[in-house]
Amino acid sequence: MKAFKDPSFKEALQLRTEMQLDEKLWVELSADGLDDKMVSVVTDSCWATDQPSPNGTLRYDLIIKG
């Protein structure tokens, strides 16, 4: 998974880039070694939290309903 600042996927975000709430970013997901004629990957939801647990109380939704 890679994150970008622009929809053309040319300007990648660095590891510790700070983002503001409601600021757009574009994400590229890839799965190496899968046959794209036989496998589809759909991301229905994605979120970020400032805690090491994915079930943290503070949660920022990045993708909602795909």
PDB file of N, CA and C in Angstrom:
ATOM      1  N   MET A   1       0.844  -1.167   0.000  1.00  0.00           N
ATOM      2  CA  MET A   1       0.000   0.000   0.000  1.00  0.00           C
ATOM      3  C   MET A   1       0.891   1.231   0.000  1.00  0.00           C
ATOM      4  N   LYS A   2       0.584   2.173  -0.870  1.00  0.00           N
ATOM      5  CA  LYS A   2       1.322   3.430  -0.950  1.00  0.00           C
ATOM      6  C   LYS A   2       0.320   4.581  -0.980  1.00  0.00           C
ATOM      7  N   ALA A   3       0.663   5.687  -0.331  1.00  0.00           N
ATOM      8  CA  ALA A   3      -0.207   6.858  -0.296  1.00  0.00           C
ATOM      9  C   ALA A   3       0.426   7.990  -1.091  1.00  0.00           C
ATOM     10  N   PHE A   4      -0.431   8.783  -1.749  1.00  0.00           N
ATOM     11  CA  PHE A   4       0.031   9.854  -2.616  1.00  0.00           C
ATOM     12  C   PHE A   4      -0.726  11.139  -2.337  1.00  0.00           C
ATOM     13  N   LYS A   5      -0.104  12.268  -2.667  1.00  0.00           N
ATOM     14  CA  LYS A   5      -0.707  13.590  -2.484  1.00  0.00           C
ATOM     15  C   LYS A   5      -1.603  13.988  -3.649  1.00  0.00           C
ATOM     16  N   ASP A   6      -1.505  13.288  -4.772  1.00  0.00           N
ATOM     17  CA  ASP A   6      -2.206  13.708  -5.974  1.00  0.00           C
ATOM     18  C   ASP A   6      -2.858  12.518  -6.676  1.00  0.00           C
ATOM     19  N   PRO A   7      -3.942  12.754  -7.417  1.00  0.00           N
ATOM     20  CA  PRO A   7      -4.636  11.651  -8.087  1.00  0.00           C
ATOM     21  C   PRO A   7      -3.851  11.010  -9.229  1.00  0.00           C
ATOM     22  N   SER A   8      -2.774  11.630  -9.659  1.00  0.00           N
ATOM     23  CA  SER A   8      -1.955  11.029 -10.718  1.00  0.00           C
ATOM     24  C   SER A   8      -0.909  10.065 -10.140  1.00  0.00           C
ATOM     25  N   PHE A   9      -0.877   9.916  -8.826  1.00  0.00           N
ATOM     26  CA  PHE A   9       0.030   8.999  -8.134  1.00  0.00           C
ATOM     27  C   PHE A   9       1.499   9.289  -8.425  1.00  0.00           C
ATOM     28  N   LYS A  10       1.851  10.571  -8.520  1.00  0.00           N
ATOM     29  CA  LYS A  10       3.237  10.950  -8.812  1.00  0.00           C
ATOM     30  C   LYS A  10       3.987  11.436  -7.576  1.00  0.00           C
ATOM     31  N   GLU A  11       3.271  12.031  -6.609  1.00  0.00           N
ATOM     32  CA  GLU A  11       3.929  12.594  -5.432  1.00  0.00           C
ATOM     33  C   GLU A  11       3.575  11.761  -4.198  1.00  0.00           C
ATOM     34  N   ALA A  12       4.459  10.818  -3.845  1.00  0.00           N
ATOM     35  CA  ALA A  12       4.209   9.911  -2.726  1.00  0.00           C
ATOM     36  C   ALA A  12       4.344  10.629  -1.385  1.00  0.00           C
ATOM     37  N   LEU A  13       3.533  10.216  -0.428  1.00  0.00           N
ATOM     38  CA  LEU A  13       3.648  10.729   0.935  1.00  0.00           C
ATOM     39  C   LEU A  13       4.801  10.021   1.629  1.00  0.00           C
ATOM     40  N   GLN A  14       5.529  10.737   2.431  1.00  0.00           N
ATOM     41  CA  GLN A  14       6.630  10.150   3.183  1.00  0.00           C
ATOM     42  C   GLN A  14       6.072   9.483   4.439  1.00  0.00           C
ATOM     43  N   LEU A  15       6.880   8.675   5.095  1.00  0.00           N
ATOM     44  CA  LEU A  15       6.445   7.856   6.221  1.00  0.00           C
ATOM     45  C   LEU A  15       5.738   8.655   7.309  1.00  0.00           C
ATOM     46  N   ARG A  16       6.263   9.786   7.690  1.00  0.00           N
ATOM     47  CA  ARG A  16       5.678  10.553   8.796  1.00  0.00           C
ATOM     48  C   ARG A  16       5.058  11.875   8.333  1.00  0.00           C
ATOM     49  N   THR A  17       4.444  11.870   7.170  1.00  0.00           N
ATOM     50  CA  THR A  17       3.779  13.064   6.657  1.00  0.00           C
ATOM     51  C   THR A  17       2.557  13.381   7.513  1.00  0.00           C
ATOM     52  N   GLU A  18       2.445  14.610   7.953  1.00  0.00           N
ATOM     53  CA  GLU A  18       1.277  15.024   8.721  1.00  0.00           C
ATOM     54  C   GLU A  18       0.151  15.400   7.773  1.00  0.00           C
ATOM     55  N   MET A  19      -1.052  14.978   8.130  1.00  0.00           N
ATOM     56  CA  MET A  19      -2.238  15.270   7.338  1.00  0.00           C
ATOM     57  C   MET A  19      -3.244  15.989   8.232  1.00  0.00           C
ATOM     58  N   GLN A  20      -4.083  16.811   7.621  1.00  0.00           N
ATOM     59  CA  GLN A  20      -5.162  17.473   8.334  1.00  0.00           C
ATOM     60  C   GLN A  20      -6.451  16.660   8.144  1.00  0.00           C
ATOM     61  N   LEU A  21      -7.361  16.767   9.092  1.00  0.00           N
ATOM     62  CA  LEU A  21      -8.648  16.104   8.928  1.00  0.00           C
ATOM     63  C   LEU A  21      -9.327  16.611   7.667  1.00  0.00           C
ATOM     64  N   ASP A  22      -9.956  15.726   6.946  1.00  0.00           N
ATOM     65  CA  ASP A  22     -10.670  16.006   5.695  1.00  0.00           C
ATOM     66  C   ASP A  22      -9.750  16.363   4.529  1.00  0.00           C
ATOM     67  N   GLU A  23      -8.445  16.206   4.686  1.00  0.00           N
ATOM     68  CA  GLU A  23      -7.517  16.417   3.570  1.00  0.00           C
ATOM     69  C   GLU A  23      -7.502  15.145   2.722  1.00  0.00           C
ATOM     70  N   LYS A  24      -7.601  15.301   1.419  1.00  0.00           N
ATOM     71  CA  LYS A  24      -7.640  14.141   0.530  1.00  0.00           C
ATOM     72  C   LYS A  24      -6.259  13.539   0.340  1.00  0.00           C
ATOM     73  N   LEU A  25      -6.245  12.215   0.185  1.00  0.00           N
ATOM     74  CA  LEU A  25      -5.048  11.499  -0.228  1.00  0.00           C
ATOM     75  C   LEU A  25      -5.493  10.340  -1.101  1.00  0.00           C
ATOM     76  N   TRP A  26      -4.599   9.863  -1.923  1.00  0.00           N
ATOM     77  CA  TRP A  26      -4.897   8.779  -2.837  1.00  0.00           C
ATOM     78  C   TRP A  26      -4.033   7.594  -2.451  1.00  0.00           C
ATOM     79  N   VAL A  27      -4.617   6.395  -2.494  1.00  0.00           N
ATOM     80  CA  VAL A  27      -3.928   5.194  -2.037  1.00  0.00           C
ATOM     81  C   VAL A  27      -3.881   4.180  -3.167  1.00  0.00           C
ATOM     82  N   GLU A  28      -2.726   3.580  -3.326  1.00  0.00           N
ATOM     83  CA  GLU A  28      -2.546   2.513  -4.303  1.00  0.00           C
ATOM     84  C   GLU A  28      -2.329   1.207  -3.543  1.00  0.00           C
ATOM     85  N   LEU A  29      -3.160   0.222  -3.828  1.00  0.00           N
ATOM     86  CA  LEU A  29      -3.018  -1.098  -3.227  1.00  0.00           C
ATOM     87  C   LEU A  29      -2.559  -2.063  -4.307  1.00  0.00           C
ATOM     88  N   SER A  30      -1.642  -2.926  -3.954  1.00  0.00           N
ATOM     89  CA  SER A  30      -1.214  -3.940  -4.920  1.00  0.00           C
ATOM     90  C   SER A  30      -0.940  -5.248  -4.195  1.00  0.00           C
ATOM     91  N   ALA A  31      -1.144  -6.336  -4.912  1.00  0.00           N
ATOM     92  CA  ALA A  31      -0.883  -7.668  -4.379  1.00  0.00           C
ATOM     93  C   ALA A  31      -0.033  -8.410  -5.403  1.00  0.00           C
ATOM     94  N   ASP A  32       1.223  -8.563  -5.116  1.00  0.00           N
ATOM     95  CA  ASP A  32       2.128  -9.235  -6.042  1.00  0.00           C
ATOM     96  C   ASP A  32       1.881 -10.740  -6.054  1.00  0.00           C
ATOM     97  N   GLY A  33       2.009 -11.329  -7.220  1.00  0.00           N
ATOM     98  CA  GLY A  33       1.917 -12.778  -7.351  1.00  0.00           C
ATOM     99  C   GLY A  33       0.513 -13.313  -7.559  1.00  0.00           C
ATOM    100  N   LEU A  34      -0.497 -12.458  -7.632  1.00  0.00           N
ATOM    101  CA  LEU A  34      -1.860 -12.921  -7.872  1.00  0.00           C
ATOM    102  C   LEU A  34      -2.210 -12.767  -9.348  1.00  0.00           C
ATOM    103  N   ASP A  35      -2.957 -13.696  -9.862  1.00  0.00           N
ATOM    104  CA  ASP A  35      -3.400 -13.657 -11.254  1.00  0.00           C
ATOM    105  C   ASP A  35      -4.587 -12.704 -11.356  1.00  0.00           C
ATOM    106  N   ASP A  36      -4.406 -11.565 -12.011  1.00  0.00           N
ATOM    107  CA  ASP A  36      -5.474 -10.567 -12.079  1.00  0.00           C
ATOM    108  C   ASP A  36      -6.680 -11.027 -12.901  1.00  0.00           C
ATOM    109  N   LYS A  37      -6.566 -12.145 -13.596  1.00  0.00           N
ATOM    110  CA  LYS A  37      -7.700 -12.699 -14.323  1.00  0.00           C
ATOM    111  C   LYS A  37      -8.556 -13.577 -13.415  1.00  0.00           C
ATOM    112  N   MET A  38      -8.017 -13.947 -12.244  1.00  0.00           N
ATOM    113  CA  MET A  38      -8.731 -14.859 -11.347  1.00  0.00           C
ATOM    114  C   MET A  38      -9.052 -14.249  -9.986  1.00  0.00           C
ATOM    115  N   VAL A  39      -8.377 -13.156  -9.621  1.00  0.00           N
ATOM    116  CA  VAL A  39      -8.535 -12.600  -8.277  1.00  0.00           C
ATOM    117  C   VAL A  39      -8.835 -11.105  -8.364  1.00  0.00           C
ATOM    118  N   SER A  40      -9.839 -10.665  -7.613  1.00  0.00           N
ATOM    119  CA  SER A  40     -10.133  -9.248  -7.465  1.00  0.00           C
ATOM    120  C   SER A  40     -10.044  -8.904  -5.984  1.00  0.00           C
ATOM    121  N   VAL A  41      -9.475  -7.756  -5.691  1.00  0.00           N
ATOM    122  CA  VAL A  41      -9.379  -7.293  -4.313  1.00  0.00           C
ATOM    123  C   VAL A  41     -10.208  -6.020  -4.197  1.00  0.00           C
ATOM    124  N   VAL A  42     -11.104  -5.984  -3.217  1.00  0.00           N
ATOM    125  CA  VAL A  42     -11.955  -4.827  -2.982  1.00  0.00           C
ATOM    126  C   VAL A  42     -11.720  -4.362  -1.548  1.00  0.00           C
ATOM    127  N   THR A  43     -11.468  -3.083  -1.398  1.00  0.00           N
ATOM    128  CA  THR A  43     -11.291  -2.509  -0.069  1.00  0.00           C
ATOM    129  C   THR A  43     -12.586  -1.801   0.305  1.00  0.00           C
ATOM    130  N   ASP A  44     -13.297  -2.371   1.265  1.00  0.00           N
ATOM    131  CA  ASP A  44     -14.574  -1.817   1.681  1.00  0.00           C
ATOM    132  C   ASP A  44     -14.400  -0.702   2.703  1.00  0.00           C
ATOM    133  N   SER A  45     -13.411  -0.852   3.584  1.00  0.00           N
ATOM    134  CA  SER A  45     -13.187   0.174   4.600  1.00  0.00           C
ATOM    135  C   SER A  45     -11.718   0.220   4.993  1.00  0.00           C
ATOM    136  N   CYS A  46     -11.320   1.385   5.470  1.00  0.00           N
ATOM    137  CA  CYS A  46      -9.954   1.600   5.933  1.00  0.00           C
ATOM    138  C   CYS A  46      -9.997   2.754   6.920  1.00  0.00           C
ATOM    139  N   TRP A  47      -9.257   2.633   8.004  1.00  0.00           N
ATOM    140  CA  TRP A  47      -9.231   3.706   8.990  1.00  0.00           C
ATOM    141  C   TRP A  47      -7.856   3.820   9.611  1.00  0.00           C
ATOM    142  N   ALA A  48      -7.634   4.950  10.239  1.00  0.00           N
ATOM    143  CA  ALA A  48      -6.372   5.213  10.933  1.00  0.00           C
ATOM    144  C   ALA A  48      -6.676   5.511  12.396  1.00  0.00           C
ATOM    145  N   THR A  49      -5.737   5.193  13.257  1.00  0.00           N
ATOM    146  CA  THR A  49      -5.857   5.497  14.675  1.00  0.00           C
ATOM    147  C   THR A  49      -4.483   5.895  15.190  1.00  0.00           C
ATOM    148  N   ASP A  50      -4.446   6.649  16.259  1.00  0.00           N
ATOM    149  CA  ASP A  50      -3.159   7.062  16.825  1.00  0.00           C
ATOM    150  C   ASP A  50      -2.660   6.069  17.878  1.00  0.00           C
ATOM    151  N   GLN A  51      -3.295   4.925  17.962  1.00  0.00           N
ATOM    152  CA  GLN A  51      -2.927   3.906  18.942  1.00  0.00           C
ATOM    153  C   GLN A  51      -2.460   2.645  18.237  1.00  0.00           C
ATOM    154  N   PRO A  52      -1.664   1.807  18.916  1.00  0.00           N
ATOM    155  CA  PRO A  52      -1.172   0.589  18.261  1.00  0.00           C
ATOM    156  C   PRO A  52      -2.263  -0.448  18.009  1.00  0.00           C
ATOM    157  N   SER A  53      -3.403  -0.345  18.676  1.00  0.00           N
ATOM    158  CA  SER A  53      -4.491  -1.298  18.493  1.00  0.00           C
ATOM    159  C   SER A  53      -5.431  -0.820  17.390  1.00  0.00           C
ATOM    160  N   PRO A  54      -5.850  -1.723  16.498  1.00  0.00           N
ATOM    161  CA  PRO A  54      -6.808  -1.312  15.462  1.00  0.00           C
ATOM    162  C   PRO A  54      -8.187  -0.997  16.038  1.00  0.00           C
ATOM    163  N   ASN A  55      -8.402  -1.360  17.290  1.00  0.00           N
ATOM    164  CA  ASN A  55      -9.691  -1.108  17.938  1.00  0.00           C
ATOM    165  C   ASN A  55      -9.639   0.108  18.862  1.00  0.00           C
ATOM    166  N   GLY A  56      -8.703   1.012  18.626  1.00  0.00           N
ATOM    167  CA  GLY A  56      -8.554   2.203  19.454  1.00  0.00           C
ATOM    168  C   GLY A  56      -9.812   3.053  19.473  1.00  0.00           C
ATOM    169  N   THR A  57      -9.984   3.808  20.532  1.00  0.00           N
ATOM    170  CA  THR A  57     -11.191   4.632  20.667  1.00  0.00           C
ATOM    171  C   THR A  57     -11.193   5.819  19.710  1.00  0.00           C
ATOM    172  N   LEU A  58     -10.027   6.335  19.361  1.00  0.00           N
ATOM    173  CA  LEU A  58      -9.933   7.433  18.399  1.00  0.00           C
ATOM    174  C   LEU A  58      -9.704   6.825  17.018  1.00  0.00           C
ATOM    175  N   ARG A  59     -10.630   7.052  16.105  1.00  0.00           N
ATOM    176  CA  ARG A  59     -10.577   6.406  14.787  1.00  0.00           C
ATOM    177  C   ARG A  59     -10.951   7.427  13.712  1.00  0.00           C
ATOM    178  N   TYR A  60     -10.164   7.435  12.638  1.00  0.00           N
ATOM    179  CA  TYR A  60     -10.433   8.314  11.490  1.00  0.00           C
ATOM    180  C   TYR A  60     -10.707   7.424  10.275  1.00  0.00           C
ATOM    181  N   ASP A  61     -11.917   7.489   9.769  1.00  0.00           N
ATOM    182  CA  ASP A  61     -12.268   6.696   8.593  1.00  0.00           C
ATOM    183  C   ASP A  61     -11.613   7.288   7.349  1.00  0.00           C
ATOM    184  N   LEU A  62     -10.937   6.439   6.592  1.00  0.00           N
ATOM    185  CA  LEU A  62     -10.291   6.854   5.346  1.00  0.00           C
ATOM    186  C   LEU A  62     -11.099   6.401   4.132  1.00  0.00           C
ATOM    187  N   ILE A  63     -11.641   5.195   4.205  1.00  0.00           N
ATOM    188  CA  ILE A  63     -12.500   4.657   3.143  1.00  0.00           C
ATOM    189  C   ILE A  63     -13.758   4.132   3.808  1.00  0.00           C
ATOM    190  N   ILE A  64     -14.912   4.569   3.319  1.00  0.00           N
ATOM    191  CA  ILE A  64     -16.194   4.110   3.842  1.00  0.00           C
ATOM    192  C   ILE A  64     -17.005   3.560   2.680  1.00  0.00           C
ATOM    193  N   LYS A  65     -17.439   2.328   2.772  1.00  0.00           N
ATOM    194  CA  LYS A  65     -18.250   1.665   1.732  1.00  0.00           C
ATOM    195  C   LYS A  65     -17.546   1.675   0.386  1.00  0.00           C
ATOM    196  N   GLY A  66     -16.255   1.357   0.408  1.00  0.00           N
ATOM    197  CA  GLY A  66     -15.478   1.212  -0.808  1.00  0.00           C
ATOM    198  C   GLY A  66     -15.317   2.468  -1.578  1.00  0.00           C
TER     199      GLY A  66
END
